[in-house]
């Protein structure tokens, strides 16, 4: 469950799960708001990175995390069906989806090979899409602020404190 809980960037099944009422097998319970059933979501299809045993409910939770971490909607990764004009979650027509799969595998690898191996994990949060993306579909490049050197005598050994002045 660690993989399912901590992996992050593909929006792989949200539309499939949103349309789950079409696949309902039982009538809605009496008095259910909106007349929609509240049962488990159908099993997702075309899972290539997530475990094949991942439930529809777990995929929906992941997709919600991914959309929040990247600040995108489902159509960012999922292609639209030309006939129905609805998102087709199992489709691989959108190339962004393959990039997302790669990134999910990368975050899982980082968490398993490095974070889980740390001797004291109290200070190590798991890596998610939000670690880098921070609500942006394309994370900005980090550029550290230039460091100001304190004025004063040169460091020991007589070496100048900075580059020579012209």
Protein backbone atom coordinates (compact mmCIF):
# COMPACT_ATOMS: atom_id res chain seq x y z
CA UNK A 1 0.00 0.00 0.00
CA UNK A 2 3.04 2.27 0.33
CA UNK A 3 3.26 2.54 -3.44
CA UNK A 4 -0.41 3.41 -3.81
CA UNK A 5 -0.27 5.91 -0.93
CA UNK A 6 2.89 7.78 -1.88
CA UNK A 7 3.27 7.59 -5.64
CA UNK A 8 2.29 10.58 -7.62
CA UNK A 9 1.90 12.30 -11.28
CA UNK A 10 -0.65 10.59 -13.59
CA UNK A 11 -4.25 11.36 -13.67
CA UNK A 12 -5.11 7.82 -14.76
CA UNK A 13 -8.77 7.01 -14.10
CA UNK A 14 -10.57 9.96 -12.65
CA UNK A 15 -12.95 10.25 -15.57
CA UNK A 16 -13.56 6.48 -15.58
CA UNK A 17 -14.34 6.65 -11.92
CA UNK A 18 -16.51 9.73 -12.35
CA UNK A 19 -18.63 7.81 -14.82
CA UNK A 20 -18.93 4.80 -12.52
CA UNK A 21 -22.68 5.22 -12.16
CA UNK A 22 -22.99 3.82 -15.69
CA UNK A 23 -21.45 0.59 -14.43
CA UNK A 24 -23.55 0.25 -11.29
CA UNK A 25 -24.84 -3.27 -10.76
CA UNK A 26 -27.39 -2.58 -8.05
CA UNK A 27 -30.21 -0.04 -7.90
CA UNK A 28 -29.60 3.01 -5.73
CA UNK A 29 -30.44 2.54 -2.08
CA UNK A 30 -33.77 3.96 -1.03
CA UNK A 31 -33.44 7.61 -0.09
CA UNK A 32 -29.94 7.99 -1.53
CA UNK A 33 -29.30 11.65 -2.39
CA UNK A 34 -29.39 12.23 -6.13
CA UNK A 35 -30.47 8.64 -6.67
CA UNK A 36 -26.86 7.53 -7.25
CA UNK A 37 -25.50 4.36 -5.66
CA UNK A 38 -22.77 4.62 -3.04
CA UNK A 39 -21.02 1.31 -3.72
CA UNK A 40 -17.38 0.72 -4.66
CA UNK A 41 -16.09 2.14 -7.94
CA UNK A 42 -15.43 -0.25 -10.82
CA UNK A 43 -11.96 -1.72 -11.21
CA UNK A 44 -9.75 0.45 -13.43
CA UNK A 45 -8.32 -0.86 -16.68
CA UNK A 46 -5.00 -0.28 -18.47
CA UNK A 47 -2.94 0.11 -15.30
CA UNK A 48 0.72 -0.04 -16.28
CA UNK A 49 2.51 1.44 -13.25
CA UNK A 50 0.01 1.12 -10.42
CA UNK A 51 -0.52 -2.41 -9.15
CA UNK A 52 -3.21 -4.28 -11.09
CA UNK A 53 -4.99 -4.91 -7.79
CA UNK A 54 -5.51 -1.19 -7.12
CA UNK A 55 -9.21 -0.61 -6.47
CA UNK A 56 -11.30 1.99 -8.25
CA UNK A 57 -11.68 3.90 -4.98
CA UNK A 58 -7.89 3.96 -4.46
CA UNK A 59 -7.30 5.14 -8.03
CA UNK A 60 -9.83 7.95 -7.52
CA UNK A 61 -8.01 9.05 -4.34
CA UNK A 62 -4.69 9.05 -6.22
CA UNK A 63 -6.12 10.97 -9.15
CA UNK A 64 -7.47 13.62 -6.79
CA UNK A 65 -4.04 13.90 -5.17
CA UNK A 66 -2.36 14.18 -8.57
CA UNK A 67 -4.72 16.87 -9.85
CA UNK A 68 -4.11 18.89 -6.68
CA UNK A 69 -0.35 18.36 -6.70
CA UNK A 70 -0.12 19.47 -10.34
CA UNK A 71 -2.94 22.04 -10.40
CA UNK A 72 -4.51 20.39 -13.46
CA UNK A 73 -7.77 18.80 -14.53
CA UNK A 74 -8.25 15.23 -15.76
CA UNK A 75 -7.94 16.22 -19.44
CA UNK A 76 -4.29 17.16 -18.85
CA UNK A 77 -3.36 13.46 -19.02
CA UNK A 78 -6.49 11.75 -20.37
CA UNK A 79 -7.59 11.85 -24.01
CA UNK A 80 -11.14 12.53 -25.11
CA UNK A 81 -13.14 9.84 -26.90
CA UNK A 82 -13.97 11.21 -30.39
CA UNK A 83 -17.38 9.52 -30.41
CA UNK A 84 -18.70 10.37 -26.94
CA UNK A 85 -16.66 13.57 -26.38
CA UNK A 86 -15.97 12.34 -22.85
CA UNK A 87 -12.63 11.49 -21.32
CA UNK A 88 -11.41 7.99 -22.06
CA UNK A 89 -9.21 7.08 -19.05
CA UNK A 90 -7.90 3.75 -20.43
CA UNK A 91 -6.74 5.42 -23.67
CA UNK A 92 -3.03 6.06 -24.19
CA UNK A 93 -3.62 8.66 -26.94
CA UNK A 94 -2.38 11.58 -24.82
CA UNK A 95 1.46 11.47 -24.63
CA UNK A 96 1.40 13.31 -21.30
CA UNK A 97 0.01 10.13 -19.74
CA UNK A 98 3.22 8.22 -20.49
CA UNK A 99 5.27 11.01 -18.90
CA UNK A 100 3.02 10.82 -15.86
CA UNK A 101 3.57 7.07 -15.63
CA UNK A 102 7.32 7.61 -15.74
CA UNK A 103 7.09 10.21 -12.97
CA UNK A 104 4.95 7.91 -10.79
CA UNK A 105 7.56 5.16 -11.16
CA UNK A 106 10.31 7.68 -10.35
CA UNK A 107 8.69 8.89 -7.12
CA UNK A 108 8.00 5.32 -6.06
CA UNK A 109 11.62 4.39 -6.76
CA UNK A 110 12.90 7.36 -4.75
CA UNK A 111 10.64 6.53 -1.83
CA UNK A 112 11.55 2.82 -1.80
CA UNK A 113 15.28 3.08 -2.48
CA UNK A 114 16.09 6.13 -0.42
CA UNK A 115 13.38 7.44 1.90
CA UNK A 116 12.38 4.03 3.28
CA UNK A 117 16.06 3.14 3.81
CA UNK A 118 16.84 6.16 5.98
CA UNK A 119 17.84 5.15 9.50
CA UNK A 120 15.77 7.94 11.10
CA UNK A 121 12.68 8.64 9.01
CA UNK A 122 11.24 11.22 11.43
CA UNK A 123 12.74 13.93 9.25
CA UNK A 124 11.97 12.42 5.86
CA UNK A 125 8.55 12.93 4.34
CA UNK A 126 7.69 10.72 1.38
CA UNK A 127 8.18 12.23 -2.05
CA UNK A 128 5.00 13.04 -3.96
CA UNK A 129 4.19 14.95 -7.14
CA UNK A 130 3.66 18.02 -4.97
CA UNK A 131 7.24 17.85 -3.69
CA UNK A 132 8.43 19.33 -6.98
CA UNK A 133 5.31 20.51 -8.80
CA UNK A 134 3.77 22.51 -5.95
CA UNK A 135 0.49 23.01 -7.80
CA UNK A 136 2.08 23.70 -11.21
CA UNK A 137 1.75 21.41 -14.23
CA UNK A 138 5.40 22.14 -15.09
CA UNK A 139 7.50 22.81 -12.00
CA UNK A 140 9.63 25.92 -12.05
CA UNK A 141 13.39 25.54 -11.94
CA UNK A 142 14.85 26.36 -8.55
CA UNK A 143 17.45 29.09 -8.69
CA UNK A 144 19.03 29.88 -5.33
CA UNK A 145 19.47 33.53 -4.42
CA UNK A 146 23.02 34.80 -4.84
CA UNK A 147 24.97 34.64 -1.60
CA UNK A 148 26.39 37.83 -0.18
CA UNK A 149 29.86 37.47 1.23
CA UNK A 150 30.42 39.30 4.48
CA UNK A 151 32.79 42.26 4.36
CA UNK A 152 35.92 41.89 6.40
CA UNK A 153 39.43 40.55 6.26
CA UNK A 154 40.30 37.88 3.68
CA UNK A 155 40.10 34.25 4.78
CA UNK A 156 43.09 32.60 6.42
CA UNK A 157 45.91 31.77 4.07
CA UNK A 158 45.79 35.12 2.29
CA UNK A 159 43.47 33.93 -0.51
CA UNK A 160 41.12 36.63 -1.74
CA UNK A 161 37.49 36.36 -0.55
CA UNK A 162 36.05 36.54 -4.05
CA UNK A 163 36.98 36.76 -7.72
CA UNK A 164 39.65 39.32 -8.57
CA UNK A 165 38.34 42.75 -9.44
CA UNK A 166 39.14 44.00 -12.96
